[in-house]
Amino acid sequence: MQQLRAKVAELRGELEAFSTGIVARVKPLRTEIDTLTGKLEAAVSSLRPEVESVGSGLSQKIDALDAELAELEP
């Protein structure tokens, strides 16, 4: 029974060491991902006005073409 307890204690120690190692590796990666996400959000936000402007221009052209086609219909 003592051998079993010793083995369980050993395995618990290995698991705790593994968990500590994983956390040490994952934390910096998560920080880097958060930083990159923030940069991506900023880039998309800066592009939004330009994209909306182009979309608005295309909508106006489509409306004008629809009006021309309506005039051509008998």
PDB file of N, CA and C in Angstrom:
ATOM      1  N   MET A   1       0.818  -1.182   0.000  1.00  0.00           N
ATOM      2  CA  MET A   1       0.000   0.000   0.000  1.00  0.00           C
ATOM      3  C   MET A   1       0.874   1.263   0.000  1.00  0.00           C
ATOM      4  N   GLN A   2       1.967   1.200   0.744  1.00  0.00           N
ATOM      5  CA  GLN A   2       2.878   2.345   0.798  1.00  0.00           C
ATOM      6  C   GLN A   2       3.523   2.605  -0.557  1.00  0.00           C
ATOM      7  N   GLN A   3       3.810   1.532  -1.292  1.00  0.00           N
ATOM      8  CA  GLN A   3       4.386   1.683  -2.631  1.00  0.00           C
ATOM      9  C   GLN A   3       3.383   2.366  -3.558  1.00  0.00           C
ATOM     10  N   LEU A   4       2.122   1.976  -3.433  1.00  0.00           N
ATOM     11  CA  LEU A   4       1.069   2.579  -4.254  1.00  0.00           C
ATOM     12  C   LEU A   4       0.931   4.075  -3.927  1.00  0.00           C
ATOM     13  N   ARG A   5       0.942   4.401  -2.637  1.00  0.00           N
ATOM     14  CA  ARG A   5       0.865   5.816  -2.242  1.00  0.00           C
ATOM     15  C   ARG A   5       2.074   6.591  -2.763  1.00  0.00           C
ATOM     16  N   ALA A   6       3.232   5.972  -2.680  1.00  0.00           N
ATOM     17  CA  ALA A   6       4.449   6.622  -3.165  1.00  0.00           C
ATOM     18  C   ALA A   6       4.356   6.863  -4.667  1.00  0.00           C
ATOM     19  N   LYS A   7       3.844   5.887  -5.399  1.00  0.00           N
ATOM     20  CA  LYS A   7       3.709   6.015  -6.852  1.00  0.00           C
ATOM     21  C   LYS A   7       2.700   7.114  -7.188  1.00  0.00           C
ATOM     22  N   VAL A   8       1.577   7.150  -6.475  1.00  0.00           N
ATOM     23  CA  VAL A   8       0.568   8.190  -6.697  1.00  0.00           C
ATOM     24  C   VAL A   8       1.169   9.564  -6.419  1.00  0.00           C
ATOM     25  N   ALA A   9       1.924   9.695  -5.336  1.00  0.00           N
ATOM     26  CA  ALA A   9       2.575  10.960  -4.997  1.00  0.00           C
ATOM     27  C   ALA A   9       3.567  11.362  -6.085  1.00  0.00           C
ATOM     28  N   GLU A  10       4.305  10.389  -6.596  1.00  0.00           N
ATOM     29  CA  GLU A  10       5.271  10.651  -7.670  1.00  0.00           C
ATOM     30  C   GLU A  10       4.550  11.139  -8.931  1.00  0.00           C
ATOM     31  N   LEU A  11       3.481  10.450  -9.286  1.00  0.00           N
ATOM     32  CA  LEU A  11       2.720  10.841 -10.473  1.00  0.00           C
ATOM     33  C   LEU A  11       2.087  12.221 -10.303  1.00  0.00           C
ATOM     34  N   ARG A  12       1.599  12.503  -9.107  1.00  0.00           N
ATOM     35  CA  ARG A  12       1.021  13.816  -8.819  1.00  0.00           C
ATOM     36  C   ARG A  12       2.093  14.904  -9.001  1.00  0.00           C
ATOM     37  N   GLY A  13       3.285  14.639  -8.520  1.00  0.00           N
ATOM     38  CA  GLY A  13       4.386  15.591  -8.674  1.00  0.00           C
ATOM     39  C   GLY A  13       4.727  15.829 -10.136  1.00  0.00           C
ATOM     40  N   GLU A  14       4.758  14.749 -10.920  1.00  0.00           N
ATOM     41  CA  GLU A  14       5.034  14.875 -12.352  1.00  0.00           C
ATOM     42  C   GLU A  14       3.944  15.692 -13.042  1.00  0.00           C
ATOM     43  N   LEU A  15       2.699  15.428 -12.671  1.00  0.00           N
ATOM     44  CA  LEU A  15       1.579  16.164 -13.261  1.00  0.00           C
ATOM     45  C   LEU A  15       1.675  17.655 -12.926  1.00  0.00           C
ATOM     46  N   GLU A  16       1.976  17.973 -11.674  1.00  0.00           N
ATOM     47  CA  GLU A  16       2.108  19.374 -11.272  1.00  0.00           C
ATOM     48  C   GLU A  16       3.258  20.052 -12.004  1.00  0.00           C
ATOM     49  N   ALA A  17       4.374  19.351 -12.168  1.00  0.00           N
ATOM     50  CA  ALA A  17       5.517  19.907 -12.890  1.00  0.00           C
ATOM     51  C   ALA A  17       5.152  20.141 -14.355  1.00  0.00           C
ATOM     52  N   PHE A  18       4.443  19.183 -14.936  1.00  0.00           N
ATOM     53  CA  PHE A  18       4.009  19.316 -16.324  1.00  0.00           C
ATOM     54  C   PHE A  18       3.076  20.516 -16.470  1.00  0.00           C
ATOM     55  N   SER A  19       2.122  20.644 -15.559  1.00  0.00           N
ATOM     56  CA  SER A  19       1.170  21.755 -15.614  1.00  0.00           C
ATOM     57  C   SER A  19       1.886  23.090 -15.501  1.00  0.00           C
ATOM     58  N   THR A  20       2.844  23.176 -14.603  1.00  0.00           N
ATOM     59  CA  THR A  20       3.604  24.408 -14.420  1.00  0.00           C
ATOM     60  C   THR A  20       4.367  24.746 -15.696  1.00  0.00           C
ATOM     61  N   GLY A  21       4.951  23.736 -16.316  1.00  0.00           N
ATOM     62  CA  GLY A  21       5.693  23.951 -17.562  1.00  0.00           C
ATOM     63  C   GLY A  21       4.793  24.412 -18.690  1.00  0.00           C
ATOM     64  N   ILE A  22       3.628  23.820 -18.794  1.00  0.00           N
ATOM     65  CA  ILE A  22       2.680  24.195 -19.850  1.00  0.00           C
ATOM     66  C   ILE A  22       2.213  25.632 -19.653  1.00  0.00           C
ATOM     67  N   VAL A  23       1.870  25.979 -18.424  1.00  0.00           N
ATOM     68  CA  VAL A  23       1.419  27.349 -18.144  1.00  0.00           C
ATOM     69  C   VAL A  23       2.521  28.343 -18.499  1.00  0.00           C
ATOM     70  N   ALA A  24       3.756  28.007 -18.176  1.00  0.00           N
ATOM     71  CA  ALA A  24       4.876  28.897 -18.486  1.00  0.00           C
ATOM     72  C   ALA A  24       5.032  29.089 -19.993  1.00  0.00           C
ATOM     73  N   ARG A  25       4.718  28.084 -20.769  1.00  0.00           N
ATOM     74  CA  ARG A  25       4.821  28.187 -22.229  1.00  0.00           C
ATOM     75  C   ARG A  25       3.611  28.883 -22.835  1.00  0.00           C
ATOM     76  N   VAL A  26       2.428  28.598 -22.314  1.00  0.00           N
ATOM     77  CA  VAL A  26       1.194  29.103 -22.909  1.00  0.00           C
ATOM     78  C   VAL A  26       0.966  30.585 -22.602  1.00  0.00           C
ATOM     79  N   LYS A  27       1.343  31.029 -21.418  1.00  0.00           N
ATOM     80  CA  LYS A  27       1.094  32.423 -21.019  1.00  0.00           C
ATOM     81  C   LYS A  27       1.707  33.420 -22.000  1.00  0.00           C
ATOM     82  N   PRO A  28       2.989  33.291 -22.361  1.00  0.00           N
ATOM     83  CA  PRO A  28       3.552  34.246 -23.325  1.00  0.00           C
ATOM     84  C   PRO A  28       2.875  34.161 -24.691  1.00  0.00           C
ATOM     85  N   LEU A  29       2.514  32.961 -25.104  1.00  0.00           N
ATOM     86  CA  LEU A  29       1.819  32.814 -26.384  1.00  0.00           C
ATOM     87  C   LEU A  29       0.468  33.519 -26.357  1.00  0.00           C
ATOM     88  N   ARG A  30      -0.241  33.374 -25.259  1.00  0.00           N
ATOM     89  CA  ARG A  30      -1.546  34.018 -25.137  1.00  0.00           C
ATOM     90  C   ARG A  30      -1.391  35.537 -25.167  1.00  0.00           C
ATOM     91  N   THR A  31      -0.376  36.051 -24.490  1.00  0.00           N
ATOM     92  CA  THR A  31      -0.119  37.490 -24.497  1.00  0.00           C
ATOM     93  C   THR A  31       0.180  37.977 -25.910  1.00  0.00           C
ATOM     94  N   GLU A  32       0.987  37.221 -26.629  1.00  0.00           N
ATOM     95  CA  GLU A  32       1.320  37.596 -27.998  1.00  0.00           C
ATOM     96  C   GLU A  32       0.080  37.567 -28.893  1.00  0.00           C
ATOM     97  N   ILE A  33      -0.753  36.561 -28.719  1.00  0.00           N
ATOM     98  CA  ILE A  33      -1.985  36.465 -29.507  1.00  0.00           C
ATOM     99  C   ILE A  33      -2.902  37.646 -29.202  1.00  0.00           C
ATOM    100  N   ASP A  34      -3.027  38.004 -27.936  1.00  0.00           N
ATOM    101  CA  ASP A  34      -3.850  39.155 -27.561  1.00  0.00           C
ATOM    102  C   ASP A  34      -3.323  40.438 -28.211  1.00  0.00           C
ATOM    103  N   THR A  35      -2.008  40.590 -28.234  1.00  0.00           N
ATOM    104  CA  THR A  35      -1.400  41.768 -28.860  1.00  0.00           C
ATOM    105  C   THR A  35      -1.692  41.795 -30.351  1.00  0.00           C
ATOM    106  N   LEU A  36      -1.511  40.657 -31.011  1.00  0.00           N
ATOM    107  CA  LEU A  36      -1.772  40.587 -32.454  1.00  0.00           C
ATOM    108  C   LEU A  36      -3.246  40.813 -32.765  1.00  0.00           C
ATOM    109  N   THR A  37      -4.121  40.312 -31.902  1.00  0.00           N
ATOM    110  CA  THR A  37      -5.556  40.522 -32.099  1.00  0.00           C
ATOM    111  C   THR A  37      -5.883  42.008 -32.021  1.00  0.00           C
ATOM    112  N   GLY A  38      -5.302  42.684 -31.066  1.00  0.00           N
ATOM    113  CA  GLY A  38      -5.519  44.127 -30.946  1.00  0.00           C
ATOM    114  C   GLY A  38      -5.052  44.868 -32.187  1.00  0.00           C
ATOM    115  N   LYS A  39      -3.901  44.485 -32.709  1.00  0.00           N
ATOM    116  CA  LYS A  39      -3.389  45.123 -33.927  1.00  0.00           C
ATOM    117  C   LYS A  39      -4.298  44.842 -35.114  1.00  0.00           C
ATOM    118  N   LEU A  40      -4.807  43.621 -35.217  1.00  0.00           N
ATOM    119  CA  LEU A  40      -5.699  43.268 -36.305  1.00  0.00           C
ATOM    120  C   LEU A  40      -7.005  44.061 -36.219  1.00  0.00           C
ATOM    121  N   GLU A  41      -7.556  44.177 -35.018  1.00  0.00           N
ATOM    122  CA  GLU A  41      -8.776  44.964 -34.829  1.00  0.00           C
ATOM    123  C   GLU A  41      -8.560  46.414 -35.227  1.00  0.00           C
ATOM    124  N   ALA A  42      -7.416  46.969 -34.871  1.00  0.00           N
ATOM    125  CA  ALA A  42      -7.101  48.357 -35.230  1.00  0.00           C
ATOM    126  C   ALA A  42      -6.986  48.510 -36.748  1.00  0.00           C
ATOM    127  N   ALA A  43      -6.356  47.541 -37.403  1.00  0.00           N
ATOM    128  CA  ALA A  43      -6.207  47.606 -38.863  1.00  0.00           C
ATOM    129  C   ALA A  43      -7.565  47.534 -39.555  1.00  0.00           C
ATOM    130  N   VAL A  44      -8.411  46.622 -39.099  1.00  0.00           N
ATOM    131  CA  VAL A  44      -9.744  46.484 -39.699  1.00  0.00           C
ATOM    132  C   VAL A  44     -10.551  47.755 -39.468  1.00  0.00           C
ATOM    133  N   SER A  45     -10.468  48.316 -38.279  1.00  0.00           N
ATOM    134  CA  SER A  45     -11.196  49.551 -37.969  1.00  0.00           C
ATOM    135  C   SER A  45     -10.731  50.703 -38.851  1.00  0.00           C
ATOM    136  N   SER A  46      -9.448  50.764 -39.135  1.00  0.00           N
ATOM    137  CA  SER A  46      -8.943  51.844 -39.976  1.00  0.00           C
ATOM    138  C   SER A  46      -9.370  51.679 -41.427  1.00  0.00           C
ATOM    139  N   LEU A  47      -9.622  50.446 -41.855  1.00  0.00           N
ATOM    140  CA  LEU A  47     -10.051  50.195 -43.232  1.00  0.00           C
ATOM    141  C   LEU A  47     -11.559  50.396 -43.425  1.00  0.00           C
ATOM    142  N   ARG A  48     -12.316  50.294 -42.357  1.00  0.00           N
ATOM    143  CA  ARG A  48     -13.777  50.354 -42.452  1.00  0.00           C
ATOM    144  C   ARG A  48     -14.280  51.592 -43.194  1.00  0.00           C
ATOM    145  N   PRO A  49     -13.837  52.818 -42.886  1.00  0.00           N
ATOM    146  CA  PRO A  49     -14.364  53.986 -43.603  1.00  0.00           C
ATOM    147  C   PRO A  49     -14.112  53.915 -45.110  1.00  0.00           C
ATOM    148  N   GLU A  50     -12.934  53.441 -45.476  1.00  0.00           N
ATOM    149  CA  GLU A  50     -12.602  53.334 -46.903  1.00  0.00           C
ATOM    150  C   GLU A  50     -13.507  52.318 -47.592  1.00  0.00           C
ATOM    151  N   VAL A  51     -13.712  51.183 -46.946  1.00  0.00           N
ATOM    152  CA  VAL A  51     -14.559  50.134 -47.523  1.00  0.00           C
ATOM    153  C   VAL A  51     -16.004  50.618 -47.624  1.00  0.00           C
ATOM    154  N   GLU A  52     -16.475  51.315 -46.592  1.00  0.00           N
ATOM    155  CA  GLU A  52     -17.843  51.831 -46.634  1.00  0.00           C
ATOM    156  C   GLU A  52     -18.007  52.857 -47.746  1.00  0.00           C
ATOM    157  N   SER A  53     -16.978  53.668 -47.957  1.00  0.00           N
ATOM    158  CA  SER A  53     -17.015  54.664 -49.026  1.00  0.00           C
ATOM    159  C   SER A  53     -17.103  53.987 -50.394  1.00  0.00           C
ATOM    160  N   VAL A  54     -16.286  52.980 -50.607  1.00  0.00           N
ATOM    161  CA  VAL A  54     -16.318  52.245 -51.882  1.00  0.00           C
ATOM    162  C   VAL A  54     -17.667  51.558 -52.054  1.00  0.00           C
ATOM    163  N   GLY A  55     -18.163  50.955 -50.989  1.00  0.00           N
ATOM    164  CA  GLY A  55     -19.474  50.288 -51.049  1.00  0.00           C
ATOM    165  C   GLY A  55     -20.587  51.256 -51.386  1.00  0.00           C
ATOM    166  N   SER A  56     -20.529  52.432 -50.815  1.00  0.00           N
ATOM    167  CA  SER A  56     -21.539  53.457 -51.095  1.00  0.00           C
ATOM    168  C   SER A  56     -21.475  53.883 -52.560  1.00  0.00           C
ATOM    169  N   GLY A  57     -20.272  54.081 -53.066  1.00  0.00           N
ATOM    170  CA  GLY A  57     -20.107  54.441 -54.479  1.00  0.00           C
ATOM    171  C   GLY A  57     -20.643  53.368 -55.398  1.00  0.00           C
ATOM    172  N   LEU A  58     -20.378  52.111 -55.091  1.00  0.00           N
ATOM    173  CA  LEU A  58     -20.881  51.014 -55.917  1.00  0.00           C
ATOM    174  C   LEU A  58     -22.407  50.934 -55.858  1.00  0.00           C
ATOM    175  N   SER A  59     -22.969  51.182 -54.699  1.00  0.00           N
ATOM    176  CA  SER A  59     -24.431  51.169 -54.566  1.00  0.00           C
ATOM    177  C   SER A  59     -25.056  52.254 -55.430  1.00  0.00           C
ATOM    178  N   GLN A  60     -24.438  53.421 -55.459  1.00  0.00           N
ATOM    179  CA  GLN A  60     -24.955  54.511 -56.289  1.00  0.00           C
ATOM    180  C   GLN A  60     -24.889  54.155 -57.767  1.00  0.00           C
ATOM    181  N   LYS A  61     -23.785  53.524 -58.177  1.00  0.00           N
ATOM    182  CA  LYS A  61     -23.660  53.110 -59.582  1.00  0.00           C
ATOM    183  C   LYS A  61     -24.711  52.068 -59.945  1.00  0.00           C
ATOM    184  N   ILE A  62     -24.943  51.115 -59.044  1.00  0.00           N
ATOM    185  CA  ILE A  62     -25.953  50.081 -59.287  1.00  0.00           C
ATOM    186  C   ILE A  62     -27.333  50.708 -59.391  1.00  0.00           C
ATOM    187  N   ASP A  63     -27.633  51.646 -58.505  1.00  0.00           N
ATOM    188  CA  ASP A  63     -28.926  52.338 -58.563  1.00  0.00           C
ATOM    189  C   ASP A  63     -29.092  53.090 -59.872  1.00  0.00           C
ATOM    190  N   ALA A  64     -28.022  53.759 -60.339  1.00  0.00           N
ATOM    191  CA  ALA A  64     -28.078  54.491 -61.600  1.00  0.00           C
ATOM    192  C   ALA A  64     -28.305  53.536 -62.771  1.00  0.00           C
ATOM    193  N   LEU A  65     -27.624  52.390 -62.762  1.00  0.00           N
ATOM    194  CA  LEU A  65     -27.816  51.409 -63.836  1.00  0.00           C
ATOM    195  C   LEU A  65     -29.209  50.811 -63.796  1.00  0.00           C
ATOM    196  N   ASP A  66     -29.743  50.590 -62.614  1.00  0.00           N
ATOM    197  CA  ASP A  66     -31.110  50.091 -62.494  1.00  0.00           C
ATOM    198  C   ASP A  66     -32.099  51.096 -63.066  1.00  0.00           C
ATOM    199  N   ALA A  67     -31.859  52.360 -62.829  1.00  0.00           N
ATOM    200  CA  ALA A  67     -32.738  53.402 -63.361  1.00  0.00           C
ATOM    201  C   ALA A  67     -32.667  53.434 -64.883  1.00  0.00           C
ATOM    202  N   GLU A  68     -31.447  53.309 -65.434  1.00  0.00           N
ATOM    203  CA  GLU A  68     -31.297  53.284 -66.899  1.00  0.00           C
ATOM    204  C   GLU A  68     -32.017  52.080 -67.493  1.00  0.00           C
ATOM    205  N   LEU A  69     -31.881  50.908 -66.857  1.00  0.00           N
ATOM    206  CA  LEU A  69     -32.560  49.716 -67.363  1.00  0.00           C
ATOM    207  C   LEU A  69     -34.077  49.868 -67.282  1.00  0.00           C
ATOM    208  N   ALA A  70     -34.557  50.499 -66.252  1.00  0.00           N
ATOM    209  CA  ALA A  70     -36.004  50.719 -66.124  1.00  0.00           C
ATOM    210  C   ALA A  70     -36.518  51.604 -67.239  1.00  0.00           C
ATOM    211  N   GLU A  71     -35.725  52.589 -67.675  1.00  0.00           N
ATOM    212  CA  GLU A  71     -36.124  53.470 -68.770  1.00  0.00           C
ATOM    213  C   GLU A  71     -36.148  52.717 -70.102  1.00  0.00           C
ATOM    214  N   LEU A  72     -35.299  51.707 -70.255  1.00  0.00           N
ATOM    215  CA  LEU A  72     -35.219  50.945 -71.507  1.00  0.00           C
ATOM    216  C   LEU A  72     -36.335  49.935 -71.663  1.00  0.00           C
ATOM    217  N   GLU A  73     -36.944  49.532 -70.571  1.00  0.00           N
ATOM    218  CA  GLU A  73     -37.992  48.527 -70.633  1.00  0.00           C
ATOM    219  C   GLU A  73     -39.236  49.132 -71.276  1.00  0.00           C
ATOM    220  N   PRO A  74     -39.912  48.330 -72.147  1.00  0.00           N
ATOM    221  CA  PRO A  74     -41.113  48.845 -72.822  1.00  0.00           C
ATOM    222  C   PRO A  74     -42.296  49.025 -71.889  1.00  0.00           C
TER     223      PRO A  74
END
